[in-house]
Amino acid sequence: MSDPTIILASTSPYLRMLLERLQVPFKTISPEVDEASLPGETPQALVQRLAIAKAQAVADNNPDALVIGSDQVAVHGGEIVGKPGDHAHAVTQLRQASGSAVMLYTGLALINSATGRIQSEVVPFGVVFRELSDEQIESYLRKEQPYDCAGSVKSEGLGIALLERFEGEDPNTLIGLPLIRLVRMLENEGVKLLAGD
């Protein structure tokens, strides 16, 4: 695989924007994977399993490709916090997160469909929220409408104003694609991101 096809097993515009930073050609394909958790499954096990499943679903139909899968959950008070879906759930999520820490777990997988090699990791990233008033929450939700974002926070937008600090090694993890780890995985498969012209 001298020049493998790189595929992001996601149609998320947020993940696509992050991967573009590595300046490698890639395409996106929706993985069509059931994201339900299994009974007794930990958040870390869930995101690792789903990242691999998403990459594998795309790799199965794309020989000679490097397929990237990722999945993320937010955990607060020992419970998984999903995407709110609507305004009322977003208000509840942000009220609960106010003044406290939320841990994000991002599963990352890279599958070489030519060899079957699977690399995967779970990357943690902590987010500490400011104390938020109902007025601040309502204003944020009116302006940003982050109903498709885990924990109701779009940190690459106005959501940054909700936060006190980050605790982790790669801020890209917050958006759902740990680029530092991904660079290592791609290099393990012979992709030279910093090679000379």
Protein backbone atom coordinates (compact mmCIF):
# COMPACT_ATOMS: atom_id res chain seq x y z
CA MET A 1 0.00 0.00 0.00
CA SER A 2 2.30 2.74 -1.22
CA ASP A 3 -0.51 5.28 -1.55
CA PRO A 4 -3.51 3.89 0.33
CA THR A 5 -6.97 5.39 0.17
CA ILE A 6 -7.80 6.98 3.50
CA ILE A 7 -11.45 6.83 4.51
CA LEU A 8 -13.13 8.50 7.46
CA ALA A 9 -15.99 6.23 8.56
CA SER A 10 -18.19 9.20 9.40
CA THR A 11 -20.09 11.97 7.66
CA SER A 12 -19.70 14.34 10.63
CA PRO A 13 -18.67 17.79 9.41
CA TYR A 14 -16.78 18.28 12.70
CA LEU A 15 -14.62 15.18 12.19
CA ARG A 16 -14.07 15.99 8.53
CA MET A 17 -12.85 19.47 9.48
CA LEU A 18 -10.36 18.00 11.95
CA LEU A 19 -9.00 15.38 9.55
CA GLU A 20 -8.46 18.07 6.90
CA ARG A 21 -5.80 19.55 9.19
CA LEU A 22 -3.50 16.60 8.42
CA GLN A 23 -3.46 17.62 4.73
CA VAL A 24 -3.94 14.11 3.35
CA PRO A 25 -6.56 13.23 0.75
CA PHE A 26 -9.44 11.25 2.19
CA LYS A 27 -13.07 10.47 1.58
CA THR A 28 -15.97 9.99 3.97
CA ILE A 29 -18.41 7.11 4.10
CA SER A 30 -21.22 6.69 6.62
CA PRO A 31 -20.66 3.43 8.54
CA GLU A 32 -24.31 2.55 9.32
CA VAL A 33 -23.60 0.96 12.72
CA ASP A 34 -26.02 0.41 15.61
CA GLU A 35 -24.64 2.60 18.40
CA ALA A 36 -26.62 1.10 21.27
CA SER A 37 -24.60 0.06 24.30
CA LEU A 38 -24.46 -3.52 25.49
CA PRO A 39 -25.68 -4.53 28.97
CA GLY A 40 -23.02 -3.72 31.57
CA GLU A 41 -20.70 -2.14 28.99
CA THR A 42 -18.41 0.57 30.37
CA PRO A 43 -18.18 3.90 28.51
CA GLN A 44 -14.58 3.07 27.52
CA ALA A 45 -15.53 -0.37 26.18
CA LEU A 46 -18.51 1.11 24.31
CA VAL A 47 -16.52 3.75 22.43
CA GLN A 48 -13.71 1.33 21.59
CA ARG A 49 -16.15 -1.27 20.27
CA LEU A 50 -18.09 1.28 18.21
CA ALA A 51 -14.97 2.94 16.77
CA ILE A 52 -13.76 -0.47 15.57
CA ALA A 53 -17.24 -1.46 14.33
CA LYS A 54 -17.60 1.76 12.32
CA ALA A 55 -14.17 1.36 10.73
CA GLN A 56 -14.79 -2.35 10.05
CA ALA A 57 -18.20 -1.71 8.43
CA VAL A 58 -16.52 0.59 5.89
CA ALA A 59 -13.34 -1.50 5.55
CA ASP A 60 -15.39 -4.57 4.59
CA ASN A 61 -16.45 -2.83 1.35
CA ASN A 62 -13.21 -0.96 0.63
CA PRO A 63 -10.16 -3.16 0.03
CA ASP A 64 -6.73 -1.53 0.14
CA ALA A 65 -7.85 1.33 2.37
CA LEU A 66 -6.97 2.77 5.73
CA VAL A 67 -10.28 3.33 7.49
CA ILE A 68 -10.64 5.63 10.49
CA GLY A 69 -13.44 5.06 12.98
CA SER A 70 -14.26 7.08 16.07
CA ASP A 71 -16.93 7.27 18.70
CA GLN A 72 -17.32 9.49 21.74
CA VAL A 73 -19.35 9.61 24.92
CA ALA A 74 -19.48 12.16 27.70
CA VAL A 75 -19.69 10.86 31.28
CA HIS A 76 -20.99 12.94 34.20
CA GLY A 77 -21.68 11.56 37.65
CA GLY A 78 -20.92 8.06 36.45
CA GLU A 79 -23.63 8.21 33.75
CA ILE A 80 -23.25 8.52 29.99
CA VAL A 81 -24.48 11.87 28.72
CA GLY A 82 -25.61 11.59 25.11
CA LYS A 83 -26.65 14.10 22.48
CA PRO A 84 -29.60 16.09 23.83
CA GLY A 85 -31.71 16.03 20.67
CA ASP A 86 -33.81 18.99 21.76
CA HIS A 87 -33.84 22.19 23.80
CA ALA A 88 -35.36 20.79 27.01
CA HIS A 89 -32.79 17.97 27.26
CA ALA A 90 -29.96 20.41 26.52
CA VAL A 91 -31.08 22.68 29.37
CA THR A 92 -31.12 19.70 31.75
CA GLN A 93 -27.66 18.57 30.64
CA LEU A 94 -26.10 22.01 31.06
CA ARG A 95 -27.72 22.60 34.45
CA GLN A 96 -26.30 19.29 35.67
CA ALA A 97 -22.83 20.04 34.26
CA SER A 98 -22.68 23.57 35.69
CA GLY A 99 -19.70 23.95 38.04
CA SER A 100 -18.54 20.37 37.61
CA ALA A 101 -16.32 18.12 35.52
CA VAL A 102 -17.38 15.98 32.58
CA MET A 103 -15.12 13.26 31.19
CA LEU A 104 -15.14 12.54 27.48
CA TYR A 105 -14.00 9.16 26.21
CA THR A 106 -13.17 8.93 22.52
CA GLY A 107 -12.62 5.59 20.86
CA LEU A 108 -10.28 5.77 17.87
CA ALA A 109 -9.64 2.93 15.43
CA LEU A 110 -7.61 2.57 12.25
CA ILE A 111 -8.13 -0.53 10.14
CA ASN A 112 -5.89 -1.51 7.25
CA SER A 113 -8.40 -3.34 5.08
CA ALA A 114 -5.62 -4.92 2.98
CA THR A 115 -3.92 -6.62 5.94
CA GLY A 116 -6.75 -6.71 8.49
CA ARG A 117 -4.57 -4.93 11.07
CA ILE A 118 -6.60 -3.05 13.66
CA GLN A 119 -5.15 -0.29 15.83
CA SER A 120 -7.42 1.14 18.51
CA GLU A 121 -7.23 3.30 21.60
CA VAL A 122 -9.53 5.08 24.01
CA VAL A 123 -8.47 8.65 24.69
CA PRO A 124 -9.84 10.44 27.79
CA PHE A 125 -10.35 14.18 27.97
CA GLY A 126 -11.74 16.18 30.88
CA VAL A 127 -13.83 19.34 30.66
CA VAL A 128 -14.60 21.53 33.67
CA PHE A 129 -17.68 23.75 33.36
CA ARG A 130 -18.08 27.24 34.78
CA GLU A 131 -20.98 27.94 37.13
CA LEU A 132 -23.80 28.68 34.66
CA SER A 133 -26.95 30.70 35.25
CA ASP A 134 -30.22 29.76 33.55
CA GLU A 135 -29.92 32.98 31.56
CA GLN A 136 -26.47 31.99 30.25
CA ILE A 137 -27.71 28.51 29.36
CA GLU A 138 -30.73 29.86 27.48
CA SER A 139 -28.66 32.46 25.64
CA TYR A 140 -26.11 29.85 24.60
CA LEU A 141 -28.73 27.39 23.39
CA ARG A 142 -30.58 30.07 21.39
CA LYS A 143 -27.37 31.10 19.64
CA GLU A 144 -25.69 27.71 19.13
CA GLN A 145 -28.44 25.02 19.14
CA PRO A 146 -25.94 22.20 19.91
CA TYR A 147 -28.56 19.46 19.93
CA ASP A 148 -26.37 17.05 17.94
CA CYS A 149 -23.37 17.43 20.29
CA ALA A 150 -22.69 15.14 23.26
CA GLY A 151 -23.34 17.01 26.49
CA SER A 152 -24.84 19.99 24.58
CA VAL A 153 -21.45 21.63 24.11
CA LYS A 154 -20.09 22.74 20.75
CA SER A 155 -16.63 23.69 21.99
CA GLU A 156 -15.42 24.75 18.55
CA GLY A 157 -18.12 27.43 18.69
CA LEU A 158 -19.67 29.52 21.45
CA GLY A 159 -19.65 26.51 23.78
CA ILE A 160 -16.11 27.48 24.76
CA ALA A 161 -17.70 30.26 26.86
CA LEU A 162 -19.31 27.62 29.09
CA LEU A 163 -16.01 26.09 30.10
CA GLU A 164 -13.47 26.77 32.83
CA ARG A 165 -10.64 24.52 31.65
CA PHE A 166 -9.59 21.38 29.80
CA GLU A 167 -7.74 18.40 31.25
CA GLY A 168 -6.13 16.28 28.55
CA GLU A 169 -3.31 15.89 26.08
CA ASP A 170 -5.02 16.64 22.76
CA PRO A 171 -7.73 19.32 22.48
CA ASN A 172 -8.92 17.76 19.20
CA THR A 173 -10.22 14.88 21.31
CA LEU A 174 -12.90 17.25 22.60
CA ILE A 175 -14.41 17.46 19.11
CA GLY A 176 -14.15 13.70 18.58
CA LEU A 177 -10.96 12.86 16.68
CA PRO A 178 -7.70 12.58 18.68
CA LEU A 179 -5.30 13.71 15.95
CA ILE A 180 -2.10 13.15 17.95
CA ARG A 181 -2.92 9.44 18.35
CA LEU A 182 -4.22 9.21 14.78
CA VAL A 183 -0.94 10.57 13.39
CA ARG A 184 0.92 7.74 15.15
CA MET A 185 -1.50 5.14 13.81
CA LEU A 186 -1.19 6.44 10.24
CA GLU A 187 2.60 6.46 10.52
CA ASN A 188 2.47 2.84 11.72
CA GLU A 189 0.81 2.06 8.38
CA GLY A 190 3.48 3.90 6.37
CA VAL A 191 1.67 7.20 5.84
CA LYS A 192 4.34 9.92 5.95
CA LEU A 193 2.60 13.13 6.98
CA LEU A 194 5.79 15.17 7.26
CA ALA A 195 7.75 13.74 4.35
CA GLY A 196 9.66 16.10 2.05
CA ASP A 197 8.27 16.98 -1.35
